[in-house]
Amino acid sequence: MDLLADENVETEWVQALRDDGHDVSRVVDVEELGASATDPNVLAGATQRNRVLLTADQSDFSDPSTDDHPGVIIVADVTRTGGQVRRAVRQIEQSVFDLSGHIAYVSDWL
């Protein structure tokens, strides 16, 4: 799965997902976005790059203004380990054929 990690995503989560074979880009490393990107721009950036957005920002991404996105995975509990996030993403990937337009909560997949 190709993911775009929001700026609030833990490095441990990113590394665990990369170790599992996922292609993870970080918002802060994308020149057009960067650390000061607004939430609408982050979601638009994920959509333009066809990457599922990985975020811990439940308040801003649990009900996006559009369903035209490749999907959002929310880690609402920031104490989750990299292993837990990796396990949940595996479950989502194996169970959901197309995450487009949908929101998945890591806690629902553990």
N, C-alpha and C. Protein backbone atom coordinates (compact mmCIF):
# COMPACT_ATOMS: atom_id res chain seq x y z
N MET A 1 0.85 -1.17 0.00
CA MET A 1 0.00 0.00 0.00
C MET A 1 0.90 1.24 0.00
N ASP A 2 0.55 2.21 -0.80
CA ASP A 2 1.25 3.49 -0.83
C ASP A 2 0.56 4.43 0.15
N LEU A 3 1.36 4.99 1.05
CA LEU A 3 0.81 5.83 2.11
C LEU A 3 1.48 7.19 2.13
N LEU A 4 0.72 8.20 2.57
CA LEU A 4 1.27 9.51 2.86
C LEU A 4 1.07 9.73 4.35
N ALA A 5 2.17 9.86 5.09
CA ALA A 5 2.11 10.02 6.54
C ALA A 5 2.01 11.49 6.89
N ASP A 6 0.94 11.83 7.59
CA ASP A 6 0.74 13.19 8.06
C ASP A 6 1.86 13.57 9.02
N GLU A 7 2.02 14.85 9.30
CA GLU A 7 3.13 15.30 10.13
C GLU A 7 3.06 14.79 11.56
N ASN A 8 1.88 14.36 12.02
CA ASN A 8 1.73 13.88 13.39
C ASN A 8 1.94 12.37 13.54
N VAL A 9 2.33 11.72 12.48
CA VAL A 9 2.54 10.28 12.50
C VAL A 9 3.91 9.97 13.12
N GLU A 10 3.92 9.02 14.03
CA GLU A 10 5.15 8.63 14.72
C GLU A 10 6.14 7.97 13.76
N THR A 11 7.40 8.29 13.92
CA THR A 11 8.46 7.69 13.10
C THR A 11 8.45 6.17 13.24
N GLU A 12 8.16 5.67 14.42
CA GLU A 12 8.09 4.22 14.66
C GLU A 12 7.04 3.57 13.76
N TRP A 13 5.91 4.23 13.56
CA TRP A 13 4.86 3.68 12.70
C TRP A 13 5.33 3.64 11.25
N VAL A 14 5.96 4.72 10.82
CA VAL A 14 6.46 4.80 9.44
C VAL A 14 7.47 3.69 9.20
N GLN A 15 8.41 3.52 10.12
CA GLN A 15 9.44 2.49 9.96
C GLN A 15 8.85 1.09 9.94
N ALA A 16 7.89 0.83 10.83
CA ALA A 16 7.24 -0.49 10.87
C ALA A 16 6.53 -0.78 9.55
N LEU A 17 5.87 0.20 8.99
CA LEU A 17 5.17 0.01 7.72
C LEU A 17 6.16 -0.16 6.57
N ARG A 18 7.22 0.60 6.58
CA ARG A 18 8.25 0.42 5.54
C ARG A 18 8.89 -0.96 5.65
N ASP A 19 9.16 -1.40 6.87
CA ASP A 19 9.73 -2.74 7.08
C ASP A 19 8.80 -3.83 6.56
N ASP A 20 7.50 -3.54 6.52
CA ASP A 20 6.51 -4.49 6.04
C ASP A 20 6.31 -4.38 4.52
N GLY A 21 7.08 -3.50 3.87
CA GLY A 21 7.02 -3.41 2.41
C GLY A 21 6.15 -2.29 1.87
N HIS A 22 5.60 -1.45 2.73
CA HIS A 22 4.76 -0.35 2.27
C HIS A 22 5.64 0.83 1.82
N ASP A 23 5.16 1.53 0.83
CA ASP A 23 5.84 2.73 0.35
C ASP A 23 5.23 3.90 1.11
N VAL A 24 5.99 4.46 2.05
CA VAL A 24 5.48 5.53 2.90
C VAL A 24 6.27 6.81 2.65
N SER A 25 5.55 7.86 2.22
CA SER A 25 6.12 9.20 2.11
C SER A 25 5.60 10.01 3.27
N ARG A 26 6.41 10.93 3.74
CA ARG A 26 6.00 11.81 4.84
C ARG A 26 5.66 13.19 4.28
N VAL A 27 4.59 13.78 4.78
CA VAL A 27 4.16 15.10 4.36
C VAL A 27 5.32 16.09 4.46
N VAL A 28 6.09 16.01 5.53
CA VAL A 28 7.18 16.96 5.74
C VAL A 28 8.28 16.83 4.69
N ASP A 29 8.34 15.69 4.01
CA ASP A 29 9.37 15.47 3.00
C ASP A 29 8.89 15.77 1.58
N VAL A 30 7.61 16.06 1.42
CA VAL A 30 7.06 16.37 0.10
C VAL A 30 7.13 17.87 -0.10
N GLU A 31 7.95 18.30 -1.05
CA GLU A 31 8.24 19.72 -1.25
C GLU A 31 6.97 20.57 -1.38
N GLU A 32 5.97 20.08 -2.09
CA GLU A 32 4.76 20.86 -2.31
C GLU A 32 3.89 20.95 -1.06
N LEU A 33 4.15 20.14 -0.05
CA LEU A 33 3.35 20.15 1.17
C LEU A 33 4.14 20.73 2.33
N GLY A 34 5.06 19.97 2.89
CA GLY A 34 5.89 20.44 3.98
C GLY A 34 5.17 20.46 5.31
N ALA A 35 5.89 20.86 6.34
CA ALA A 35 5.39 20.82 7.72
C ALA A 35 4.21 21.77 7.95
N SER A 36 4.07 22.80 7.17
CA SER A 36 3.00 23.77 7.40
C SER A 36 1.77 23.54 6.52
N ALA A 37 1.68 22.40 5.87
CA ALA A 37 0.55 22.13 4.97
C ALA A 37 -0.76 22.08 5.75
N THR A 38 -1.77 22.68 5.19
CA THR A 38 -3.10 22.64 5.82
C THR A 38 -3.71 21.26 5.61
N ASP A 39 -4.68 20.91 6.44
CA ASP A 39 -5.32 19.60 6.33
C ASP A 39 -5.95 19.37 4.95
N PRO A 40 -6.68 20.36 4.40
CA PRO A 40 -7.22 20.15 3.04
C PRO A 40 -6.11 19.91 2.01
N ASN A 41 -4.98 20.59 2.15
CA ASN A 41 -3.87 20.39 1.23
C ASN A 41 -3.22 19.01 1.41
N VAL A 42 -3.17 18.54 2.64
CA VAL A 42 -2.63 17.21 2.90
C VAL A 42 -3.50 16.16 2.22
N LEU A 43 -4.81 16.26 2.39
CA LEU A 43 -5.71 15.29 1.76
C LEU A 43 -5.64 15.40 0.24
N ALA A 44 -5.56 16.63 -0.27
CA ALA A 44 -5.42 16.81 -1.72
C ALA A 44 -4.11 16.23 -2.22
N GLY A 45 -3.04 16.41 -1.44
CA GLY A 45 -1.74 15.84 -1.81
C GLY A 45 -1.77 14.33 -1.85
N ALA A 46 -2.44 13.73 -0.88
CA ALA A 46 -2.59 12.26 -0.88
C ALA A 46 -3.38 11.81 -2.11
N THR A 47 -4.41 12.55 -2.43
CA THR A 47 -5.25 12.21 -3.58
C THR A 47 -4.47 12.35 -4.88
N GLN A 48 -3.73 13.43 -5.04
CA GLN A 48 -2.94 13.65 -6.26
C GLN A 48 -1.89 12.56 -6.44
N ARG A 49 -1.36 12.06 -5.34
CA ARG A 49 -0.31 11.04 -5.40
C ARG A 49 -0.87 9.62 -5.29
N ASN A 50 -2.20 9.51 -5.20
CA ASN A 50 -2.88 8.23 -5.05
C ASN A 50 -2.32 7.42 -3.87
N ARG A 51 -2.19 8.10 -2.73
CA ARG A 51 -1.67 7.49 -1.51
C ARG A 51 -2.73 7.58 -0.42
N VAL A 52 -2.89 6.49 0.31
CA VAL A 52 -3.77 6.49 1.46
C VAL A 52 -3.12 7.38 2.52
N LEU A 53 -3.92 8.25 3.13
CA LEU A 53 -3.41 9.14 4.16
C LEU A 53 -3.38 8.41 5.50
N LEU A 54 -2.23 8.41 6.15
CA LEU A 54 -2.08 7.87 7.50
C LEU A 54 -1.94 9.05 8.43
N THR A 55 -2.81 9.13 9.44
CA THR A 55 -2.81 10.29 10.32
C THR A 55 -3.22 9.90 11.73
N ALA A 56 -2.84 10.74 12.68
CA ALA A 56 -3.32 10.61 14.06
C ALA A 56 -4.33 11.73 14.34
N ASP A 57 -4.66 12.50 13.34
CA ASP A 57 -5.53 13.67 13.47
C ASP A 57 -6.98 13.27 13.23
N GLN A 58 -7.58 12.68 14.23
CA GLN A 58 -8.95 12.20 14.12
C GLN A 58 -9.94 13.34 13.93
N SER A 59 -9.73 14.45 14.59
CA SER A 59 -10.70 15.55 14.54
C SER A 59 -10.83 16.15 13.15
N ASP A 60 -9.75 16.18 12.39
CA ASP A 60 -9.81 16.83 11.08
C ASP A 60 -10.05 15.87 9.91
N PHE A 61 -9.80 14.59 10.12
CA PHE A 61 -9.91 13.67 8.98
C PHE A 61 -10.99 12.59 9.14
N SER A 62 -11.71 12.58 10.26
CA SER A 62 -12.74 11.56 10.44
C SER A 62 -13.97 11.82 9.56
N ASP A 63 -14.12 13.04 9.10
CA ASP A 63 -15.24 13.39 8.22
C ASP A 63 -14.76 14.39 7.17
N PRO A 64 -13.96 13.90 6.20
CA PRO A 64 -13.42 14.82 5.19
C PRO A 64 -14.53 15.44 4.35
N SER A 65 -14.24 16.59 3.79
CA SER A 65 -15.23 17.33 3.00
C SER A 65 -15.56 16.66 1.67
N THR A 66 -14.79 15.67 1.30
CA THR A 66 -15.02 14.97 0.04
C THR A 66 -14.77 13.47 0.21
N ASP A 67 -15.44 12.67 -0.60
CA ASP A 67 -15.18 11.23 -0.62
C ASP A 67 -14.22 10.87 -1.74
N ASP A 68 -13.74 11.88 -2.45
CA ASP A 68 -12.85 11.66 -3.58
C ASP A 68 -11.40 11.65 -3.10
N HIS A 69 -11.04 10.57 -2.41
CA HIS A 69 -9.67 10.39 -1.91
C HIS A 69 -9.36 8.90 -1.87
N PRO A 70 -8.10 8.52 -1.84
CA PRO A 70 -7.73 7.10 -1.87
C PRO A 70 -7.89 6.38 -0.54
N GLY A 71 -8.38 7.08 0.47
CA GLY A 71 -8.62 6.47 1.77
C GLY A 71 -7.82 7.16 2.86
N VAL A 72 -8.30 7.00 4.09
CA VAL A 72 -7.65 7.57 5.25
C VAL A 72 -7.59 6.50 6.32
N ILE A 73 -6.42 6.32 6.92
CA ILE A 73 -6.26 5.44 8.06
C ILE A 73 -5.92 6.31 9.25
N ILE A 74 -6.75 6.22 10.30
CA ILE A 74 -6.57 7.06 11.47
C ILE A 74 -6.09 6.22 12.65
N VAL A 75 -5.00 6.68 13.25
CA VAL A 75 -4.48 6.07 14.47
C VAL A 75 -4.87 7.01 15.60
N ALA A 76 -6.07 6.81 16.15
CA ALA A 76 -6.60 7.74 17.15
C ALA A 76 -5.86 7.65 18.48
N ASP A 77 -5.30 6.50 18.78
CA ASP A 77 -4.55 6.30 20.02
C ASP A 77 -3.06 6.39 19.71
N VAL A 78 -2.46 7.52 20.05
CA VAL A 78 -1.06 7.76 19.68
C VAL A 78 -0.08 6.91 20.48
N THR A 79 -0.58 6.12 21.43
CA THR A 79 0.31 5.22 22.17
C THR A 79 0.46 3.88 21.46
N ARG A 80 -0.18 3.72 20.32
CA ARG A 80 -0.04 2.47 19.55
C ARG A 80 1.42 2.28 19.15
N THR A 81 1.85 1.04 19.16
CA THR A 81 3.21 0.72 18.74
C THR A 81 3.27 0.58 17.23
N GLY A 82 4.48 0.59 16.71
CA GLY A 82 4.66 0.36 15.28
C GLY A 82 4.11 -1.00 14.87
N GLY A 83 4.32 -1.99 15.71
CA GLY A 83 3.80 -3.33 15.42
C GLY A 83 2.29 -3.37 15.35
N GLN A 84 1.62 -2.64 16.22
CA GLN A 84 0.16 -2.60 16.20
C GLN A 84 -0.34 -1.91 14.93
N VAL A 85 0.29 -0.81 14.56
CA VAL A 85 -0.12 -0.10 13.34
C VAL A 85 0.13 -0.99 12.13
N ARG A 86 1.28 -1.65 12.09
CA ARG A 86 1.59 -2.55 10.98
C ARG A 86 0.55 -3.67 10.88
N ARG A 87 0.21 -4.27 12.01
CA ARG A 87 -0.77 -5.36 12.03
C ARG A 87 -2.13 -4.88 11.54
N ALA A 88 -2.57 -3.71 11.98
CA ALA A 88 -3.85 -3.17 11.55
C ALA A 88 -3.87 -2.88 10.05
N VAL A 89 -2.79 -2.28 9.55
CA VAL A 89 -2.72 -1.96 8.12
C VAL A 89 -2.72 -3.26 7.30
N ARG A 90 -2.05 -4.28 7.77
CA ARG A 90 -2.10 -5.59 7.09
C ARG A 90 -3.54 -6.09 7.00
N GLN A 91 -4.26 -6.01 8.12
CA GLN A 91 -5.65 -6.48 8.16
C GLN A 91 -6.51 -5.67 7.19
N ILE A 92 -6.33 -4.37 7.20
CA ILE A 92 -7.10 -3.51 6.29
C ILE A 92 -6.80 -3.89 4.85
N GLU A 93 -5.54 -4.04 4.54
CA GLU A 93 -5.13 -4.35 3.17
C GLU A 93 -5.67 -5.70 2.70
N GLN A 94 -5.73 -6.66 3.60
CA GLN A 94 -6.22 -8.00 3.25
C GLN A 94 -7.74 -8.07 3.18
N SER A 95 -8.42 -7.16 3.87
CA SER A 95 -9.88 -7.24 3.98
C SER A 95 -10.64 -6.26 3.11
N VAL A 96 -10.03 -5.13 2.80
CA VAL A 96 -10.72 -4.08 2.05
C VAL A 96 -10.08 -3.98 0.67
N PHE A 97 -10.84 -4.34 -0.34
CA PHE A 97 -10.31 -4.34 -1.71
C PHE A 97 -9.90 -2.95 -2.14
N ASP A 98 -10.75 -1.95 -1.86
CA ASP A 98 -10.48 -0.58 -2.28
C ASP A 98 -10.88 0.36 -1.16
N LEU A 99 -9.92 1.03 -0.58
CA LEU A 99 -10.16 1.93 0.54
C LEU A 99 -10.62 3.32 0.08
N SER A 100 -10.67 3.54 -1.21
CA SER A 100 -11.04 4.86 -1.76
C SER A 100 -12.33 5.37 -1.14
N GLY A 101 -12.26 6.62 -0.65
CA GLY A 101 -13.44 7.26 -0.09
C GLY A 101 -13.80 6.81 1.31
N HIS A 102 -13.02 5.91 1.88
CA HIS A 102 -13.35 5.35 3.20
C HIS A 102 -12.35 5.81 4.27
N ILE A 103 -12.80 5.72 5.50
CA ILE A 103 -11.98 6.02 6.67
C ILE A 103 -11.86 4.72 7.45
N ALA A 104 -10.63 4.34 7.81
CA ALA A 104 -10.40 3.14 8.63
C ALA A 104 -9.68 3.56 9.90
N TYR A 105 -10.17 3.07 11.02
CA TYR A 105 -9.53 3.33 12.30
C TYR A 105 -8.70 2.12 12.70
N VAL A 106 -7.45 2.35 13.03
CA VAL A 106 -6.55 1.26 13.43
C VAL A 106 -7.18 0.44 14.55
N SER A 107 -7.80 1.10 15.51
CA SER A 107 -8.39 0.39 16.66
C SER A 107 -9.44 -0.64 16.25
N ASP A 108 -10.12 -0.43 15.13
CA ASP A 108 -11.13 -1.38 14.65
C ASP A 108 -10.51 -2.63 14.05
N TRP A 109 -9.22 -2.62 13.78
CA TRP A 109 -8.56 -3.72 13.08
C TRP A 109 -7.57 -4.47 13.95
N LEU A 110 -7.56 -4.18 15.25
CA LEU A 110 -6.66 -4.89 16.17
C LEU A 110 -7.42 -5.92 16.96
